[in-house]
Amino acid sequence: MSSRMARFGLSAYRLAGTVASPVVGLYITYRTAKGKEDRARRLERFGYPSANRPQGPLVWFHAASVGETNAVIPLIREIRRRDIHVILTTGTITSARLAAERLGNDAIHQYVPLDLKPSVSRFLDYWAPDCAIIAESEIWPATVLELGRRRIPQILINARMSDRSFARWRRRPAIAEALFENLALVIAQSDIDAERFRDLGAVPVITSGNLKVDTDAPPYDSAVLARYKKQIGDRKTWAAISTFDGEENAAAIVHRALRERDRQLTIIVPRHPDRCDEIEAALVKLGLKVARRTRDDVLSADVDIFLGDTIGEMGLYLRLTEIAFVGRSLFAEGGQNPLEPAMLGCAVLSGGHVQNFRDAYQKLARSGSARMVRDTEMLAKGVHYLLTNDEARRNMIEAGITAVHEMRGALTATVKGLEPYINPLTVKARLLPKAVAQL
């Protein structure tokens, strides 16, 4: 452990090791009650395994939730093609389901251990990974320091650093350096992200582009899609996806403003479906008729709002429209991923607060496939224009598909950056069966 780690890291160790167990228990109980924890697998959060460790080299991937999990799936498949075993940790039930559906036996899934020294140590003692690959912006002090103490290479991939996070780390430069110096490699999404990680003490740092561009289009049930399209008929549609508080109301205002002229169906897909009862009540109070996916309601001609209250069906919702407003951008801060709607053939609209996806939005906007709106009134004008101007809508859609295609290449760049760490494990993995056979 370096002197800097000794000075600043030990405080994190002490904090992580002395958090009162009742507090942790309350935290887990709260998340279980909210449907974010799997009751049957709660012990995994304390580092206890629920699966056997396979023999041979093992790489630990961590992805916080659904978006990050989708982004690392192609990379996990590439690692598995090299005969290296993979354990994937995530933090939510939905990401665990996604991993099971998309990866099957290609990865062992466990819930990520809490960032407490006993939990992290227990996890690492059992799984003994040869390398840790962390997606995007997951920097957990106890985990980073324990991996560093054990000299396990830890690599941050598809790395991004938001304006807010960068400002926070810069206020604590010594602590930032004590943590970031433990990273063997940072593979950043953009040049801006790369420069920020270098400023905070990470070395080396390379740029790959965004892995989310290299993912497969989100899946969908073709029978369900055909049924909904038949019900919608020739009605125009637009969608407000990944919405946060306030943006559903904005979508409702837009719908009411355009309903008499455009006779459109509005599709609303909140970022957090557990808010949908509250959202539906507010929409009904505005005099709107709501159909919900979970109730399998029919999209009859008098339905105003189709509420997409499920997780993992974005591929379905986006294939029902050619216009998508991407949320967490009009009232909330940070933005959400605009690449999925662009790759699925949607003209993209967004508010201006998109710091977390700045690079993707800049490239889409330059191509003419995304437009920014200042407020609800401007959003209504943008939706109406695209609903009634087929040529403009088609031009934006085609520009978006082209832009996404031109942005691809992050997976190849990431694999190349990982080769110094992965190639020795590939050799070891492929020699192991021969060594075992000779015993």
Protein backbone atom coordinates (compact mmCIF):
# COMPACT_ATOMS: atom_id res chain seq x y z
CA MET A 1 0.00 0.00 0.00
CA SER A 2 1.42 3.41 -1.01
CA SER A 3 1.90 6.19 1.55
CA ARG A 4 -1.03 8.04 -0.03
CA MET A 5 -3.23 4.99 0.35
CA ALA A 6 -1.97 4.61 3.89
CA ARG A 7 -2.97 8.18 4.74
CA PHE A 8 -6.31 8.37 2.94
CA GLY A 9 -7.23 4.79 2.17
CA LEU A 10 -7.18 3.46 5.71
CA SER A 11 -9.97 5.82 6.71
CA ALA A 12 -12.13 4.25 4.02
CA TYR A 13 -11.19 0.80 5.32
CA ARG A 14 -12.11 1.76 8.87
CA LEU A 15 -15.37 3.32 7.77
CA ALA A 16 -16.25 0.30 5.63
CA GLY A 17 -15.39 -2.11 8.41
CA THR A 18 -17.28 -0.36 11.20
CA VAL A 19 -20.63 0.55 9.63
CA ALA A 20 -23.21 -0.70 12.09
CA SER A 21 -24.83 -3.92 10.95
CA PRO A 22 -28.34 -2.72 11.91
CA VAL A 23 -27.95 0.16 9.45
CA VAL A 24 -26.88 -2.20 6.68
CA GLY A 25 -29.74 -4.52 7.56
CA LEU A 26 -32.23 -1.66 7.32
CA TYR A 27 -30.78 -0.67 3.95
CA ILE A 28 -31.18 -4.19 2.55
CA THR A 29 -34.67 -4.51 4.03
CA TYR A 30 -35.70 -1.19 2.43
CA ARG A 31 -34.41 -2.22 -1.00
CA THR A 32 -36.12 -5.61 -0.69
CA ALA A 33 -39.42 -3.90 0.15
CA LYS A 34 -39.00 -1.64 -2.89
CA GLY A 35 -38.47 -4.68 -5.14
CA LYS A 36 -34.82 -3.82 -5.80
CA GLU A 37 -33.32 -6.74 -3.84
CA ASP A 38 -33.84 -10.48 -4.35
CA ARG A 39 -34.81 -11.76 -0.90
CA ALA A 40 -33.57 -15.28 -1.67
CA ARG A 41 -30.11 -13.97 -2.63
CA ARG A 42 -29.54 -11.26 -0.01
CA LEU A 43 -26.43 -12.97 1.37
CA GLU A 44 -24.62 -12.30 -1.91
CA ARG A 45 -24.64 -8.62 -0.95
CA PHE A 46 -22.45 -9.55 2.02
CA GLY A 47 -20.00 -11.46 -0.19
CA TYR A 48 -21.35 -14.97 0.40
CA PRO A 49 -21.34 -16.99 -2.84
CA SER A 50 -24.35 -18.86 -4.23
CA ALA A 51 -22.46 -20.64 -7.03
CA ASN A 52 -19.28 -22.62 -7.42
CA ARG A 53 -16.10 -20.99 -8.68
CA PRO A 54 -14.97 -22.70 -11.90
CA GLN A 55 -11.40 -23.90 -12.24
CA GLY A 56 -9.08 -21.68 -14.25
CA PRO A 57 -8.78 -17.95 -15.00
CA LEU A 58 -11.72 -15.78 -13.97
CA VAL A 59 -12.53 -12.17 -14.85
CA TRP A 60 -14.90 -10.18 -12.65
CA PHE A 61 -17.20 -7.80 -14.55
CA HIS A 62 -19.34 -5.30 -12.68
CA ALA A 63 -22.23 -3.37 -14.24
CA ALA A 64 -24.52 -1.32 -12.02
CA SER A 65 -27.86 -1.73 -13.78
CA VAL A 66 -29.62 -2.53 -17.05
CA GLY A 67 -27.89 0.02 -19.30
CA GLU A 68 -24.40 -0.88 -18.16
CA THR A 69 -25.19 -4.61 -18.33
CA ASN A 70 -26.35 -4.29 -21.94
CA ALA A 71 -23.17 -2.41 -22.77
CA VAL A 72 -20.79 -5.08 -21.42
CA ILE A 73 -22.58 -8.15 -22.82
CA PRO A 74 -20.71 -8.14 -26.18
CA LEU A 75 -17.40 -7.75 -24.31
CA ILE A 76 -18.26 -10.63 -21.97
CA ARG A 77 -18.99 -12.83 -24.99
CA GLU A 78 -15.61 -11.87 -26.46
CA ILE A 79 -13.85 -12.84 -23.21
CA ARG A 80 -15.73 -16.16 -23.10
CA ARG A 81 -14.64 -16.94 -26.67
CA ARG A 82 -11.12 -16.94 -25.25
CA ASP A 83 -12.10 -19.70 -22.76
CA ILE A 84 -11.84 -17.36 -19.77
CA HIS A 85 -14.54 -17.71 -17.12
CA VAL A 86 -16.62 -14.65 -16.20
CA ILE A 87 -18.46 -13.62 -13.06
CA LEU A 88 -20.81 -10.68 -13.56
CA THR A 89 -22.10 -8.64 -10.63
CA THR A 90 -24.97 -6.17 -10.87
CA GLY A 91 -27.01 -4.24 -8.35
CA THR A 92 -30.63 -4.71 -9.43
CA ILE A 93 -33.12 -7.50 -10.00
CA THR A 94 -33.84 -6.31 -13.53
CA SER A 95 -30.18 -6.40 -14.53
CA ALA A 96 -29.89 -9.90 -13.04
CA ARG A 97 -32.82 -11.04 -15.20
CA LEU A 98 -31.27 -9.41 -18.25
CA ALA A 99 -27.97 -11.19 -17.62
CA ALA A 100 -29.74 -14.53 -17.33
CA GLU A 101 -31.72 -13.96 -20.54
CA ARG A 102 -28.89 -12.57 -22.68
CA LEU A 103 -25.87 -14.47 -21.34
CA GLY A 104 -27.20 -17.78 -20.03
CA ASN A 105 -24.23 -19.96 -19.08
CA ASP A 106 -21.68 -17.51 -20.48
CA ALA A 107 -21.40 -15.81 -17.11
CA ILE A 108 -21.98 -16.56 -13.43
CA HIS A 109 -24.20 -13.86 -11.96
CA GLN A 110 -23.94 -12.62 -8.40
CA TYR A 111 -25.24 -9.47 -6.76
CA VAL A 112 -22.44 -7.00 -6.10
CA PRO A 113 -21.14 -7.06 -2.53
CA LEU A 114 -21.80 -4.00 -0.42
CA ASP A 115 -18.83 -1.62 -0.38
CA LEU A 116 -17.82 -2.71 3.13
CA LYS A 117 -14.43 -4.28 3.75
CA PRO A 118 -15.78 -7.57 5.23
CA SER A 119 -18.20 -8.07 2.32
CA VAL A 120 -15.64 -7.21 -0.35
CA SER A 121 -12.92 -9.35 1.26
CA ARG A 122 -15.26 -12.33 1.56
CA PHE A 123 -16.22 -11.97 -2.11
CA LEU A 124 -12.60 -11.71 -3.28
CA ASP A 125 -11.40 -14.54 -1.03
CA TYR A 126 -13.85 -16.94 -2.65
CA TRP A 127 -13.89 -15.84 -6.28
CA ALA A 128 -10.21 -14.82 -6.50
CA PRO A 129 -10.59 -12.99 -9.84
CA ASP A 130 -7.52 -12.54 -12.01
CA CYS A 131 -8.81 -9.18 -13.21
CA ALA A 132 -11.69 -6.78 -12.38
CA ILE A 133 -13.44 -4.89 -15.20
CA ILE A 134 -15.83 -2.20 -14.02
CA ALA A 135 -18.32 -0.40 -16.27
CA GLU A 136 -18.73 3.37 -16.60
CA SER A 137 -18.59 5.28 -13.31
CA GLU A 138 -18.67 2.76 -10.48
CA ILE A 139 -15.94 3.90 -8.06
CA TRP A 140 -16.40 2.27 -4.65
CA PRO A 141 -13.59 3.10 -2.18
CA ALA A 142 -13.45 -0.12 -0.14
CA THR A 143 -13.60 -2.24 -3.30
CA VAL A 144 -10.97 -0.20 -5.14
CA LEU A 145 -8.60 -0.24 -2.18
CA GLU A 146 -9.02 -3.96 -1.47
CA LEU A 147 -8.40 -4.86 -5.11
CA GLY A 148 -5.34 -2.62 -5.03
CA ARG A 149 -4.05 -4.22 -1.85
CA ARG A 150 -4.33 -7.65 -3.46
CA ARG A 151 -2.68 -6.36 -6.66
CA ILE A 152 -5.61 -7.50 -8.79
CA PRO A 153 -5.68 -5.37 -11.96
CA GLN A 154 -8.82 -3.24 -12.07
CA ILE A 155 -9.88 -1.61 -15.31
CA LEU A 156 -12.62 0.96 -15.82
CA ILE A 157 -14.28 0.51 -19.23
CA ASN A 158 -16.75 2.71 -21.08
CA ALA A 159 -15.71 5.17 -18.41
CA ARG A 160 -17.46 8.47 -18.04
CA MET A 161 -17.16 11.33 -15.57
CA SER A 162 -20.13 13.67 -15.22
CA ASP A 163 -19.71 17.39 -14.57
CA ARG A 164 -21.04 16.96 -11.03
CA SER A 165 -18.82 13.98 -10.19
CA PHE A 166 -15.74 15.69 -11.59
CA ALA A 167 -16.40 18.79 -9.48
CA ARG A 168 -16.82 16.65 -6.36
CA TRP A 169 -13.59 14.72 -6.94
CA ARG A 170 -11.64 17.93 -7.65
CA ARG A 171 -12.63 19.24 -4.23
CA ARG A 172 -10.87 16.19 -2.72
CA PRO A 173 -7.75 15.78 -4.91
CA ALA A 174 -5.70 13.72 -2.45
CA ILE A 175 -8.51 11.20 -1.89
CA ALA A 176 -9.20 11.07 -5.64
CA GLU A 177 -5.58 10.31 -6.43
CA ALA A 178 -5.38 7.71 -3.65
CA LEU A 179 -8.25 5.85 -5.32
CA PHE A 180 -7.65 6.45 -9.03
CA GLU A 181 -3.97 5.47 -8.83
CA ASN A 182 -5.20 1.92 -8.14
CA LEU A 183 -6.72 1.63 -11.61
CA ALA A 184 -4.48 -0.31 -13.97
CA LEU A 185 -6.23 1.22 -16.99
CA VAL A 186 -9.12 3.54 -17.81
CA ILE A 187 -10.85 3.15 -21.19
CA ALA A 188 -12.96 6.30 -21.54
CA GLN A 189 -16.02 7.01 -23.68
CA SER A 190 -14.77 10.38 -24.92
CA ASP A 191 -11.73 12.64 -24.96
CA ILE A 192 -13.36 14.89 -22.33
CA ASP A 193 -13.91 11.92 -20.01
CA ALA A 194 -10.35 10.76 -20.61
CA GLU A 195 -8.89 14.15 -19.70
CA ARG A 196 -10.93 14.27 -16.51
CA PHE A 197 -9.70 10.87 -15.36
CA ARG A 198 -6.09 11.92 -16.06
CA ASP A 199 -6.61 15.10 -14.03
CA LEU A 200 -7.76 12.95 -11.10
CA GLY A 201 -4.64 10.78 -11.17
CA ALA A 202 -5.59 7.82 -13.38
CA VAL A 203 -2.79 6.49 -15.61
CA PRO A 204 -2.89 5.20 -18.31
CA VAL A 205 -6.09 6.44 -19.92
CA ILE A 206 -7.21 5.71 -23.49
CA THR A 207 -10.39 6.57 -25.43
CA SER A 208 -12.60 3.94 -27.06
CA GLY A 209 -15.95 5.55 -27.84
CA ASN A 210 -19.21 4.37 -26.29
CA LEU A 211 -19.75 0.61 -25.95
CA LYS A 212 -23.51 1.18 -26.02
CA VAL A 213 -23.22 1.92 -29.75
CA ASP A 214 -21.80 -1.57 -30.34
CA THR A 215 -24.59 -3.41 -28.55
CA ASP A 216 -27.38 -5.28 -30.30
CA ALA A 217 -30.68 -3.47 -30.73
CA PRO A 218 -32.94 -4.15 -27.73
CA PRO A 219 -35.04 -7.29 -28.22
CA TYR A 220 -38.82 -7.47 -28.58
CA ASP A 221 -41.65 -9.97 -28.86
CA SER A 222 -42.72 -9.94 -32.52
CA ALA A 223 -46.22 -11.27 -31.74
CA VAL A 224 -46.85 -8.54 -29.16
CA LEU A 225 -45.51 -5.88 -31.53
CA ALA A 226 -47.78 -7.07 -34.35
CA ARG A 227 -50.81 -7.06 -32.04
CA TYR A 228 -50.20 -3.51 -30.84
CA LYS A 229 -49.53 -2.22 -34.36
CA LYS A 230 -52.84 -3.68 -35.48
CA GLN A 231 -54.63 -1.99 -32.59
CA ILE A 232 -52.95 1.37 -33.30
CA GLY A 233 -53.80 1.17 -36.99
CA ASP A 234 -53.09 4.41 -38.86
CA ARG A 235 -52.87 6.62 -35.75
CA LYS A 236 -49.76 8.73 -35.40
CA THR A 237 -47.56 7.99 -32.39
CA TRP A 238 -44.75 9.56 -30.40
CA ALA A 239 -42.97 8.38 -27.26
CA ALA A 240 -41.53 9.99 -24.14
CA ILE A 241 -39.03 7.44 -22.79
CA SER A 242 -36.86 7.18 -19.67
CA THR A 243 -38.87 9.99 -18.13
CA PHE A 244 -38.35 11.43 -14.66
CA ASP A 245 -40.69 13.33 -12.37
CA GLY A 246 -42.33 16.24 -14.19
CA GLU A 247 -41.65 14.91 -17.68
CA GLU A 248 -44.73 12.69 -17.71
CA ASN A 249 -46.82 15.78 -17.00
CA ALA A 250 -45.02 17.58 -19.82
CA ALA A 251 -45.87 14.69 -22.16
CA ALA A 252 -49.50 14.93 -21.07
CA ILE A 253 -49.56 18.67 -21.80
CA VAL A 254 -48.09 18.01 -25.23
CA HIS A 255 -50.69 15.31 -25.87
CA ARG A 256 -53.60 17.56 -24.94
CA ALA A 257 -52.23 20.42 -27.05
CA LEU A 258 -51.98 18.23 -30.17
CA ARG A 259 -54.86 15.79 -29.72
CA GLU A 260 -57.47 17.66 -31.76
CA ARG A 261 -55.11 18.24 -34.71
CA ASP A 262 -53.02 15.06 -34.78
CA ARG A 263 -55.21 12.40 -33.14
CA GLN A 264 -51.99 10.82 -31.89
CA LEU A 265 -51.26 8.07 -29.38
CA THR A 266 -48.70 9.12 -26.77
CA ILE A 267 -46.43 6.42 -25.34
CA ILE A 268 -44.87 7.17 -21.95
CA VAL A 269 -42.13 4.90 -20.57
CA PRO A 270 -40.95 6.10 -17.13
CA ARG A 271 -37.38 5.36 -16.07
CA HIS A 272 -38.74 3.89 -12.83
CA PRO A 273 -41.91 1.82 -13.40
CA ASP A 274 -42.67 1.73 -9.67
CA ARG A 275 -43.96 5.29 -10.13
CA CYS A 276 -46.61 4.22 -12.66
CA ASP A 277 -49.59 4.02 -10.29
CA GLU A 278 -48.93 7.63 -9.28
CA ILE A 279 -48.37 8.65 -12.91
CA GLU A 280 -51.58 6.99 -14.09
CA ALA A 281 -53.60 8.71 -11.35
CA ALA A 282 -52.21 12.10 -12.43
CA LEU A 283 -52.97 11.41 -16.09
CA VAL A 284 -56.53 10.31 -15.36
CA LYS A 285 -57.02 13.44 -13.27
CA LEU A 286 -56.18 15.42 -16.42
CA GLY A 287 -59.02 13.65 -18.23
CA LEU A 288 -56.81 11.27 -20.22
CA LYS A 289 -57.59 7.61 -20.87
CA VAL A 290 -54.62 5.40 -19.99
CA ALA A 291 -53.78 1.88 -21.20
CA ARG A 292 -51.04 -0.03 -19.37
CA ARG A 293 -48.72 -2.71 -20.67
CA THR A 294 -48.85 -4.76 -17.46
CA ARG A 295 -52.66 -4.96 -17.72
CA ASP A 296 -52.42 -5.88 -21.40
CA ASP A 297 -54.98 -3.16 -22.12
CA VAL A 298 -56.21 -2.79 -25.68
CA LEU A 299 -54.96 0.33 -27.50
CA SER A 300 -58.40 1.35 -28.69
CA ALA A 301 -59.02 4.54 -30.63
CA ASP A 302 -60.07 6.45 -27.50
CA VAL A 303 -56.88 5.68 -25.56
CA ASP A 304 -54.76 8.79 -25.06
CA ILE A 305 -51.71 7.38 -23.26
CA PHE A 306 -50.03 3.99 -23.52
CA LEU A 307 -48.09 3.67 -20.26
CA GLY A 308 -45.08 1.39 -20.67
CA ASP A 309 -44.82 0.16 -17.09
CA THR A 310 -42.40 -2.72 -17.69
CA ILE A 311 -38.62 -3.05 -17.71
CA GLY A 312 -36.71 -4.69 -20.53
CA GLU A 313 -39.25 -3.89 -23.28
CA MET A 314 -37.80 -0.67 -24.66
CA GLY A 315 -37.30 -2.52 -27.95
CA LEU A 316 -41.08 -2.97 -28.12
CA TYR A 317 -42.02 0.61 -27.25
CA LEU A 318 -39.54 2.21 -29.64
CA ARG A 319 -40.69 0.02 -32.52
CA LEU A 320 -44.21 1.45 -32.09
CA THR A 321 -43.11 4.96 -33.05
CA GLU A 322 -40.70 7.04 -35.12
CA ILE A 323 -40.43 9.97 -32.68
CA ALA A 324 -38.83 9.69 -29.24
CA PHE A 325 -38.33 12.31 -26.57
CA VAL A 326 -35.57 11.07 -24.24
CA GLY A 327 -36.10 12.05 -20.62
CA ARG A 328 -34.10 13.14 -17.60
CA SER A 329 -33.31 16.14 -19.74
CA LEU A 330 -36.15 18.65 -19.46
CA PHE A 331 -36.46 19.04 -15.67
CA ALA A 332 -34.09 16.44 -14.20
CA GLU A 333 -30.31 16.58 -14.75
CA GLY A 334 -27.97 14.31 -16.68
CA GLY A 335 -29.92 12.92 -19.61
CA GLN A 336 -30.49 9.32 -20.69
CA ASN A 337 -29.07 7.22 -23.52
CA PRO A 338 -30.25 8.53 -26.96
CA LEU A 339 -28.48 5.80 -28.94
CA GLU A 340 -31.19 3.12 -28.65
CA PRO A 341 -33.94 5.26 -30.21
CA ALA A 342 -31.54 6.46 -32.92
CA MET A 343 -30.46 2.93 -33.86
CA LEU A 344 -34.10 1.76 -33.89
CA GLY A 345 -35.20 4.42 -36.38
CA CYS A 346 -36.55 7.25 -34.25
CA ALA A 347 -36.10 10.98 -34.65
CA VAL A 348 -34.74 12.09 -31.25
CA LEU A 349 -35.91 15.03 -29.16
CA SER A 350 -34.40 15.99 -25.81
CA GLY A 351 -34.20 18.68 -23.20
CA GLY A 352 -30.92 20.47 -22.69
CA HIS A 353 -29.71 18.81 -19.48
CA VAL A 354 -27.74 15.94 -21.04
CA GLN A 355 -24.31 16.22 -19.40
CA ASN A 356 -23.96 12.47 -18.84
CA PHE A 357 -24.42 11.77 -22.56
CA ARG A 358 -22.89 14.95 -23.96
CA ASP A 359 -20.67 13.24 -26.55
CA ALA A 360 -23.49 11.08 -27.97
CA TYR A 361 -25.88 14.03 -28.21
CA GLN A 362 -23.26 16.24 -29.87
CA LYS A 363 -22.66 13.64 -32.56
CA LEU A 364 -26.37 13.02 -33.13
CA ALA A 365 -27.13 16.76 -33.21
CA ARG A 366 -24.32 17.44 -35.69
CA SER A 367 -25.73 14.73 -37.95
CA GLY A 368 -29.19 16.30 -37.81
CA SER A 369 -30.79 13.31 -36.07
CA ALA A 370 -31.43 14.91 -32.66
CA ARG A 371 -33.00 18.24 -31.70
CA MET A 372 -32.92 19.95 -28.32
CA VAL A 373 -35.95 21.68 -26.80
CA ARG A 374 -35.98 24.31 -24.06
CA ASP A 375 -39.38 23.69 -22.52
CA THR A 376 -42.75 21.94 -22.83
CA GLU A 377 -44.05 24.42 -25.41
CA MET A 378 -41.04 23.86 -27.65
CA LEU A 379 -41.42 20.09 -27.18
CA ALA A 380 -45.05 20.30 -28.36
CA LYS A 381 -43.98 22.23 -31.45
CA GLY A 382 -41.22 19.70 -32.18
CA VAL A 383 -43.53 16.71 -31.83
CA HIS A 384 -46.21 18.31 -34.02
CA TYR A 385 -43.66 19.21 -36.70
CA LEU A 386 -42.34 15.65 -36.86
CA LEU A 387 -45.81 14.09 -36.76
CA THR A 388 -46.91 16.18 -39.74
CA ASN A 389 -43.71 16.43 -41.78
CA ASP A 390 -42.87 12.99 -43.14
CA GLU A 391 -39.81 14.10 -45.08
CA ALA A 392 -38.19 15.86 -42.11
CA ARG A 393 -38.89 12.88 -39.88
CA ARG A 394 -37.40 10.43 -42.39
CA ASN A 395 -34.32 12.62 -42.82
CA MET A 396 -33.72 12.65 -39.07
CA ILE A 397 -34.21 8.89 -38.85
CA GLU A 398 -31.78 8.16 -41.67
CA ALA A 399 -29.22 10.58 -40.23
CA GLY A 400 -29.48 8.87 -36.86
CA ILE A 401 -28.94 5.38 -38.25
CA THR A 402 -25.91 6.64 -40.20
CA ALA A 403 -24.49 8.46 -37.16
CA VAL A 404 -24.80 5.39 -34.94
CA HIS A 405 -23.08 3.27 -37.58
CA GLU A 406 -20.21 5.77 -37.81
CA MET A 407 -19.85 5.81 -34.01
CA ARG A 408 -19.27 2.05 -33.82
CA GLY A 409 -15.84 0.64 -33.00
CA ALA A 410 -15.73 0.96 -29.20
CA LEU A 411 -15.82 -2.82 -28.69
CA THR A 412 -12.78 -3.37 -30.93
CA ALA A 413 -10.89 -0.53 -29.22
CA THR A 414 -11.79 -1.86 -25.76
CA VAL A 415 -10.66 -5.40 -26.57
CA LYS A 416 -7.37 -4.04 -27.90
CA GLY A 417 -6.83 -2.03 -24.71
CA LEU A 418 -7.55 -5.10 -22.58
CA GLU A 419 -5.19 -7.44 -24.46
CA PRO A 420 -2.19 -7.03 -22.10
CA TYR A 421 -4.41 -8.27 -19.27
CA ILE A 422 -6.52 -10.80 -21.16
CA ASN A 423 -3.98 -12.49 -23.44
CA PRO A 424 -2.01 -14.14 -20.58
CA LEU A 425 -5.28 -15.44 -19.14
CA THR A 426 -6.25 -16.84 -22.56
CA VAL A 427 -2.98 -18.79 -22.73
CA LYS A 428 -3.44 -20.05 -19.17
CA ALA A 429 -7.06 -21.04 -19.83
CA ARG A 430 -6.19 -23.01 -22.95
CA LEU A 431 -3.23 -24.75 -21.35
CA LEU A 432 -5.24 -25.82 -18.31
CA PRO A 433 -7.11 -28.76 -19.95
CA LYS A 434 -3.81 -30.15 -21.24
CA ALA A 435 -2.22 -29.83 -17.81
CA VAL A 436 -5.17 -31.55 -16.14
CA ALA A 437 -5.12 -34.34 -18.74
CA GLN A 438 -1.46 -35.05 -17.98
CA LEU A 439 -2.10 -35.56 -14.26
